[in-house]
Amino acid sequence: MTNWRAVFVGFLLATVFGIVGLVLPGIGQLAAGLIGGFVAGYMAGGGLGSGLWHGLLAGSLGGIIGGLLIGVAVGLAGLALGPAGGAISGAAGLGIFAFAVVISLVMAVESAVAGAVGGVLNSGRSGRGGRNAY
């Protein structure tokens, strides 16, 4: 069973650290995904598989939201430039979609690995297997 509270907290942490991590492009986002996935996996507990699943969900949710925000920003920029800008931003839509998919996959994989570590570290800490400890 999915602990959506753990997923949401991991997603929020990844988002906040991702925004702060813009100071160090690439490294900041990598650290954000690792932190968010670890926290989601640790909060969910239950061992390797549970931590991996919760970290994966937290990371992929962050990637999807990030991709949508990039798409909205490009769309608004295209609208501001008039009909020519609309055509340009429409043509760029395919590239933006591909970029969002790649970012989502990278964030999901790194968060899943960190979530697995968190789930293993919290596998036996509560009487209920760590699953609903929070």
N, C-alpha and C. Protein backbone atom coordinates (compact mmCIF):
# COMPACT_ATOMS: atom_id res chain seq x y z
N MET A 1 0.85 -1.18 0.00
CA MET A 1 0.00 0.00 0.00
C MET A 1 0.89 1.24 0.00
N THR A 2 0.50 2.22 -0.76
CA THR A 2 1.29 3.44 -0.90
C THR A 2 0.99 4.41 0.23
N ASN A 3 2.04 4.90 0.85
CA ASN A 3 1.92 5.92 1.88
C ASN A 3 2.04 7.28 1.18
N TRP A 4 0.89 7.86 0.83
CA TRP A 4 0.89 9.10 0.05
C TRP A 4 1.44 10.28 0.82
N ARG A 5 1.38 10.22 2.14
CA ARG A 5 1.97 11.30 2.95
C ARG A 5 3.49 11.31 2.76
N ALA A 6 4.09 10.15 2.76
CA ALA A 6 5.54 10.05 2.55
C ALA A 6 5.92 10.53 1.15
N VAL A 7 5.12 10.15 0.16
CA VAL A 7 5.38 10.58 -1.22
C VAL A 7 5.27 12.10 -1.32
N PHE A 8 4.24 12.67 -0.73
CA PHE A 8 4.02 14.12 -0.82
C PHE A 8 5.12 14.89 -0.11
N VAL A 9 5.54 14.42 1.07
CA VAL A 9 6.62 15.09 1.80
C VAL A 9 7.93 15.00 1.01
N GLY A 10 8.22 13.83 0.44
CA GLY A 10 9.41 13.68 -0.38
C GLY A 10 9.37 14.59 -1.60
N PHE A 11 8.20 14.67 -2.24
CA PHE A 11 8.03 15.56 -3.39
C PHE A 11 8.24 17.02 -3.00
N LEU A 12 7.65 17.44 -1.87
CA LEU A 12 7.82 18.83 -1.43
C LEU A 12 9.29 19.15 -1.14
N LEU A 13 9.96 18.24 -0.47
CA LEU A 13 11.38 18.47 -0.18
C LEU A 13 12.20 18.54 -1.47
N ALA A 14 11.92 17.66 -2.40
CA ALA A 14 12.65 17.69 -3.67
C ALA A 14 12.39 18.99 -4.42
N THR A 15 11.16 19.48 -4.36
CA THR A 15 10.83 20.73 -5.03
C THR A 15 11.53 21.91 -4.39
N VAL A 16 11.47 21.99 -3.07
CA VAL A 16 12.11 23.11 -2.35
C VAL A 16 13.62 23.08 -2.56
N PHE A 17 14.22 21.92 -2.38
CA PHE A 17 15.67 21.83 -2.58
C PHE A 17 16.06 22.03 -4.03
N GLY A 18 15.17 21.66 -4.96
CA GLY A 18 15.43 21.90 -6.37
C GLY A 18 15.45 23.37 -6.71
N ILE A 19 14.54 24.12 -6.09
CA ILE A 19 14.53 25.58 -6.31
C ILE A 19 15.77 26.21 -5.70
N VAL A 20 16.10 25.81 -4.48
CA VAL A 20 17.32 26.32 -3.83
C VAL A 20 18.55 25.86 -4.61
N GLY A 21 18.48 24.66 -5.18
CA GLY A 21 19.60 24.09 -5.91
C GLY A 21 19.87 24.73 -7.26
N LEU A 22 19.03 25.68 -7.66
CA LEU A 22 19.28 26.37 -8.92
C LEU A 22 20.57 27.18 -8.87
N VAL A 23 21.07 27.43 -7.66
CA VAL A 23 22.35 28.13 -7.51
C VAL A 23 23.48 27.27 -8.10
N LEU A 24 23.37 25.96 -7.94
CA LEU A 24 24.34 25.01 -8.50
C LEU A 24 23.63 24.14 -9.52
N PRO A 25 23.45 24.60 -10.76
CA PRO A 25 22.69 23.83 -11.74
C PRO A 25 23.23 22.41 -11.91
N GLY A 26 22.32 21.47 -11.98
CA GLY A 26 22.70 20.07 -12.13
C GLY A 26 22.93 19.40 -10.80
N ILE A 27 23.92 19.87 -10.07
CA ILE A 27 24.24 19.29 -8.76
C ILE A 27 23.12 19.55 -7.76
N GLY A 28 22.58 20.76 -7.79
CA GLY A 28 21.49 21.10 -6.88
C GLY A 28 20.26 20.25 -7.11
N GLN A 29 19.92 20.01 -8.38
CA GLN A 29 18.76 19.18 -8.69
C GLN A 29 19.02 17.71 -8.36
N LEU A 30 20.25 17.26 -8.57
CA LEU A 30 20.60 15.89 -8.21
C LEU A 30 20.45 15.69 -6.70
N ALA A 31 20.96 16.61 -5.93
CA ALA A 31 20.85 16.53 -4.48
C ALA A 31 19.39 16.59 -4.05
N ALA A 32 18.60 17.43 -4.71
CA ALA A 32 17.18 17.55 -4.37
C ALA A 32 16.45 16.23 -4.58
N GLY A 33 16.71 15.57 -5.69
CA GLY A 33 16.07 14.28 -5.96
C GLY A 33 16.49 13.21 -4.96
N LEU A 34 17.76 13.21 -4.60
CA LEU A 34 18.25 12.24 -3.62
C LEU A 34 17.63 12.47 -2.24
N ILE A 35 17.56 13.73 -1.81
CA ILE A 35 17.00 14.05 -0.50
C ILE A 35 15.51 13.70 -0.47
N GLY A 36 14.77 14.13 -1.49
CA GLY A 36 13.34 13.85 -1.53
C GLY A 36 13.03 12.36 -1.56
N GLY A 37 13.76 11.61 -2.36
CA GLY A 37 13.55 10.17 -2.43
C GLY A 37 13.90 9.47 -1.14
N PHE A 38 15.01 9.89 -0.52
CA PHE A 38 15.41 9.28 0.75
C PHE A 38 14.35 9.50 1.82
N VAL A 39 13.86 10.73 1.92
CA VAL A 39 12.85 11.04 2.95
C VAL A 39 11.57 10.25 2.69
N ALA A 40 11.14 10.17 1.43
CA ALA A 40 9.93 9.40 1.12
C ALA A 40 10.12 7.93 1.49
N GLY A 41 11.26 7.36 1.15
CA GLY A 41 11.52 5.96 1.48
C GLY A 41 11.64 5.73 2.97
N TYR A 42 12.28 6.66 3.66
CA TYR A 42 12.46 6.52 5.11
C TYR A 42 11.13 6.63 5.83
N MET A 43 10.31 7.61 5.42
CA MET A 43 9.00 7.78 6.07
C MET A 43 8.11 6.56 5.83
N ALA A 44 8.17 6.00 4.64
CA ALA A 44 7.33 4.84 4.32
C ALA A 44 7.86 3.58 5.01
N GLY A 45 9.18 3.47 5.13
CA GLY A 45 9.77 2.29 5.76
C GLY A 45 9.42 1.03 5.00
N GLY A 46 9.42 -0.09 5.66
CA GLY A 46 9.00 -1.34 5.06
C GLY A 46 10.05 -2.07 4.25
N GLY A 47 11.26 -1.58 4.19
CA GLY A 47 12.32 -2.30 3.50
C GLY A 47 12.65 -1.74 2.13
N LEU A 48 13.43 -2.52 1.41
CA LEU A 48 13.98 -2.10 0.12
C LEU A 48 12.90 -1.80 -0.92
N GLY A 49 11.98 -2.70 -1.12
CA GLY A 49 10.95 -2.54 -2.15
C GLY A 49 10.02 -1.36 -1.87
N SER A 50 9.59 -1.24 -0.64
CA SER A 50 8.70 -0.14 -0.27
C SER A 50 9.40 1.21 -0.41
N GLY A 51 10.63 1.29 0.05
CA GLY A 51 11.39 2.53 -0.07
C GLY A 51 11.63 2.90 -1.52
N LEU A 52 11.95 1.89 -2.35
CA LEU A 52 12.16 2.12 -3.77
C LEU A 52 10.88 2.67 -4.42
N TRP A 53 9.74 2.08 -4.11
CA TRP A 53 8.47 2.50 -4.68
C TRP A 53 8.12 3.94 -4.28
N HIS A 54 8.25 4.26 -3.01
CA HIS A 54 7.89 5.59 -2.54
C HIS A 54 8.86 6.66 -3.06
N GLY A 55 10.13 6.34 -3.13
CA GLY A 55 11.10 7.26 -3.71
C GLY A 55 10.84 7.48 -5.19
N LEU A 56 10.48 6.41 -5.90
CA LEU A 56 10.16 6.51 -7.32
C LEU A 56 8.95 7.42 -7.55
N LEU A 57 7.92 7.27 -6.74
CA LEU A 57 6.74 8.11 -6.89
C LEU A 57 7.05 9.57 -6.59
N ALA A 58 7.80 9.82 -5.53
CA ALA A 58 8.14 11.20 -5.17
C ALA A 58 8.98 11.86 -6.26
N GLY A 59 9.94 11.15 -6.79
CA GLY A 59 10.80 11.70 -7.84
C GLY A 59 10.09 11.92 -9.16
N SER A 60 9.25 10.96 -9.55
CA SER A 60 8.55 11.12 -10.83
C SER A 60 7.51 12.21 -10.75
N LEU A 61 6.87 12.37 -9.62
CA LEU A 61 5.92 13.47 -9.45
C LEU A 61 6.63 14.80 -9.57
N GLY A 62 7.80 14.91 -8.98
CA GLY A 62 8.59 16.14 -9.11
C GLY A 62 8.99 16.41 -10.55
N GLY A 63 9.37 15.38 -11.28
CA GLY A 63 9.75 15.54 -12.67
C GLY A 63 8.58 15.96 -13.55
N ILE A 64 7.42 15.40 -13.30
CA ILE A 64 6.24 15.75 -14.08
C ILE A 64 5.84 17.21 -13.83
N ILE A 65 5.84 17.61 -12.57
CA ILE A 65 5.48 19.00 -12.23
C ILE A 65 6.52 19.96 -12.83
N GLY A 66 7.79 19.61 -12.76
CA GLY A 66 8.85 20.45 -13.34
C GLY A 66 8.68 20.60 -14.84
N GLY A 67 8.37 19.51 -15.52
CA GLY A 67 8.14 19.55 -16.96
C GLY A 67 6.94 20.41 -17.33
N LEU A 68 5.89 20.30 -16.55
CA LEU A 68 4.71 21.13 -16.80
C LEU A 68 5.02 22.62 -16.62
N LEU A 69 5.79 22.94 -15.60
CA LEU A 69 6.15 24.34 -15.37
C LEU A 69 6.99 24.90 -16.51
N ILE A 70 7.91 24.09 -17.02
CA ILE A 70 8.72 24.52 -18.17
C ILE A 70 7.82 24.74 -19.39
N GLY A 71 6.89 23.83 -19.62
CA GLY A 71 5.97 23.96 -20.74
C GLY A 71 5.10 25.20 -20.65
N VAL A 72 4.60 25.50 -19.45
CA VAL A 72 3.78 26.70 -19.26
C VAL A 72 4.61 27.96 -19.50
N ALA A 73 5.84 27.98 -19.00
CA ALA A 73 6.69 29.16 -19.19
C ALA A 73 6.97 29.41 -20.67
N VAL A 74 7.25 28.37 -21.42
CA VAL A 74 7.50 28.53 -22.85
C VAL A 74 6.23 28.94 -23.58
N GLY A 75 5.10 28.37 -23.20
CA GLY A 75 3.83 28.74 -23.80
C GLY A 75 3.48 30.20 -23.57
N LEU A 76 3.69 30.68 -22.34
CA LEU A 76 3.41 32.08 -22.03
C LEU A 76 4.36 33.02 -22.78
N ALA A 77 5.60 32.61 -22.91
CA ALA A 77 6.56 33.42 -23.68
C ALA A 77 6.14 33.49 -25.14
N GLY A 78 5.63 32.39 -25.68
CA GLY A 78 5.16 32.37 -27.05
C GLY A 78 3.94 33.26 -27.25
N LEU A 79 3.03 33.25 -26.28
CA LEU A 79 1.85 34.11 -26.37
C LEU A 79 2.23 35.59 -26.33
N ALA A 80 3.23 35.91 -25.55
CA ALA A 80 3.66 37.30 -25.42
C ALA A 80 4.29 37.82 -26.72
N LEU A 81 4.80 36.93 -27.55
CA LEU A 81 5.45 37.35 -28.79
C LEU A 81 4.49 37.38 -29.98
N GLY A 82 3.23 37.11 -29.76
CA GLY A 82 2.25 37.19 -30.84
C GLY A 82 2.18 35.92 -31.67
N PRO A 83 1.63 36.02 -32.89
CA PRO A 83 1.44 34.83 -33.73
C PRO A 83 2.74 34.11 -34.08
N ALA A 84 3.79 34.86 -34.39
CA ALA A 84 5.06 34.22 -34.71
C ALA A 84 5.61 33.48 -33.49
N GLY A 85 5.48 34.10 -32.33
CA GLY A 85 5.93 33.45 -31.10
C GLY A 85 5.12 32.21 -30.79
N GLY A 86 3.80 32.25 -31.10
CA GLY A 86 2.96 31.08 -30.90
C GLY A 86 3.39 29.92 -31.77
N ALA A 87 3.75 30.21 -33.01
CA ALA A 87 4.22 29.16 -33.91
C ALA A 87 5.55 28.58 -33.44
N ILE A 88 6.42 29.46 -32.97
CA ILE A 88 7.73 29.00 -32.48
C ILE A 88 7.56 28.14 -31.23
N SER A 89 6.74 28.61 -30.28
CA SER A 89 6.56 27.84 -29.05
C SER A 89 5.82 26.54 -29.33
N GLY A 90 4.92 26.53 -30.32
CA GLY A 90 4.26 25.28 -30.70
C GLY A 90 5.24 24.27 -31.27
N ALA A 91 6.16 24.76 -32.09
CA ALA A 91 7.18 23.86 -32.67
C ALA A 91 8.13 23.36 -31.59
N ALA A 92 8.37 24.18 -30.60
CA ALA A 92 9.27 23.79 -29.51
C ALA A 92 8.60 22.83 -28.54
N GLY A 93 7.29 22.66 -28.67
CA GLY A 93 6.54 21.81 -27.74
C GLY A 93 7.03 20.38 -27.72
N LEU A 94 7.37 19.84 -28.87
CA LEU A 94 7.85 18.46 -28.93
C LEU A 94 9.17 18.31 -28.19
N GLY A 95 10.06 19.26 -28.37
CA GLY A 95 11.34 19.23 -27.65
C GLY A 95 11.15 19.38 -26.15
N ILE A 96 10.22 20.22 -25.76
CA ILE A 96 9.94 20.42 -24.33
C ILE A 96 9.38 19.14 -23.73
N PHE A 97 8.49 18.48 -24.47
CA PHE A 97 7.94 17.22 -23.98
C PHE A 97 9.03 16.18 -23.79
N ALA A 98 9.92 16.06 -24.75
CA ALA A 98 11.02 15.09 -24.64
C ALA A 98 11.93 15.43 -23.46
N PHE A 99 12.22 16.72 -23.30
CA PHE A 99 13.05 17.16 -22.18
C PHE A 99 12.39 16.83 -20.85
N ALA A 100 11.08 17.08 -20.74
CA ALA A 100 10.35 16.80 -19.50
C ALA A 100 10.35 15.31 -19.19
N VAL A 101 10.22 14.47 -20.21
CA VAL A 101 10.24 13.02 -20.00
C VAL A 101 11.61 12.58 -19.49
N VAL A 102 12.68 13.09 -20.08
CA VAL A 102 14.03 12.73 -19.64
C VAL A 102 14.27 13.17 -18.20
N ILE A 103 13.89 14.42 -17.89
CA ILE A 103 14.06 14.92 -16.52
C ILE A 103 13.26 14.09 -15.53
N SER A 104 12.06 13.74 -15.89
CA SER A 104 11.22 12.93 -15.01
C SER A 104 11.84 11.56 -14.76
N LEU A 105 12.38 10.94 -15.79
CA LEU A 105 13.02 9.63 -15.63
C LEU A 105 14.27 9.71 -14.75
N VAL A 106 15.08 10.73 -14.97
CA VAL A 106 16.30 10.89 -14.17
C VAL A 106 15.94 11.11 -12.70
N MET A 107 14.98 12.01 -12.46
CA MET A 107 14.58 12.27 -11.07
C MET A 107 13.96 11.04 -10.43
N ALA A 108 13.19 10.27 -11.19
CA ALA A 108 12.55 9.09 -10.64
C ALA A 108 13.58 8.02 -10.27
N VAL A 109 14.57 7.80 -11.14
CA VAL A 109 15.57 6.76 -10.88
C VAL A 109 16.43 7.12 -9.67
N GLU A 110 16.91 8.36 -9.62
CA GLU A 110 17.76 8.73 -8.48
C GLU A 110 16.97 8.75 -7.18
N SER A 111 15.72 9.18 -7.24
CA SER A 111 14.90 9.19 -6.04
C SER A 111 14.55 7.77 -5.60
N ALA A 112 14.37 6.86 -6.55
CA ALA A 112 14.07 5.48 -6.21
C ALA A 112 15.24 4.83 -5.48
N VAL A 113 16.45 5.09 -5.96
CA VAL A 113 17.64 4.52 -5.30
C VAL A 113 17.77 5.07 -3.89
N ALA A 114 17.60 6.39 -3.75
CA ALA A 114 17.69 6.99 -2.42
C ALA A 114 16.54 6.51 -1.53
N GLY A 115 15.36 6.32 -2.11
CA GLY A 115 14.23 5.80 -1.34
C GLY A 115 14.47 4.39 -0.85
N ALA A 116 15.11 3.57 -1.67
CA ALA A 116 15.44 2.21 -1.26
C ALA A 116 16.38 2.22 -0.05
N VAL A 117 17.35 3.12 -0.08
CA VAL A 117 18.27 3.24 1.06
C VAL A 117 17.50 3.68 2.30
N GLY A 118 16.63 4.68 2.15
CA GLY A 118 15.83 5.14 3.28
C GLY A 118 14.91 4.06 3.81
N GLY A 119 14.29 3.29 2.92
CA GLY A 119 13.41 2.21 3.35
C GLY A 119 14.15 1.12 4.10
N VAL A 120 15.37 0.82 3.67
CA VAL A 120 16.17 -0.20 4.37
C VAL A 120 16.57 0.31 5.75
N LEU A 121 16.94 1.58 5.84
CA LEU A 121 17.34 2.13 7.13
C LEU A 121 16.19 2.19 8.12
N ASN A 122 14.96 2.26 7.65
CA ASN A 122 13.80 2.34 8.53
C ASN A 122 12.96 1.07 8.47
N SER A 123 13.54 -0.04 8.08
CA SER A 123 12.75 -1.26 7.91
C SER A 123 12.28 -1.88 9.21
N GLY A 124 12.94 -1.65 10.29
CA GLY A 124 12.53 -2.30 11.54
C GLY A 124 12.36 -1.35 12.70
N ARG A 125 12.17 -0.09 12.46
CA ARG A 125 12.14 0.88 13.54
C ARG A 125 10.81 1.02 14.25
N SER A 126 9.72 0.58 13.64
CA SER A 126 8.43 0.70 14.31
C SER A 126 7.80 -0.67 14.46
N GLY A 127 6.82 -0.75 15.30
CA GLY A 127 6.15 -2.01 15.53
C GLY A 127 5.35 -2.49 14.33
N ARG A 128 5.04 -1.62 13.40
CA ARG A 128 4.25 -1.99 12.23
C ARG A 128 5.12 -2.12 10.98
N GLY A 129 6.40 -2.36 11.13
CA GLY A 129 7.27 -2.54 9.99
C GLY A 129 7.70 -1.23 9.35
N GLY A 130 7.45 -0.12 10.04
CA GLY A 130 7.88 1.17 9.55
C GLY A 130 6.93 1.78 8.54
N ARG A 131 5.93 1.05 8.12
CA ARG A 131 5.09 1.52 7.01
C ARG A 131 4.26 2.75 7.38
N ASN A 132 3.63 2.76 8.52
CA ASN A 132 2.77 3.88 8.91
C ASN A 132 3.25 4.52 10.20
N ALA A 133 4.54 4.61 10.35
CA ALA A 133 5.10 5.14 11.59
C ALA A 133 4.86 6.61 11.78
N TYR A 134 4.57 7.31 10.71
CA TYR A 134 4.39 8.75 10.81
C TYR A 134 2.96 9.09 10.61
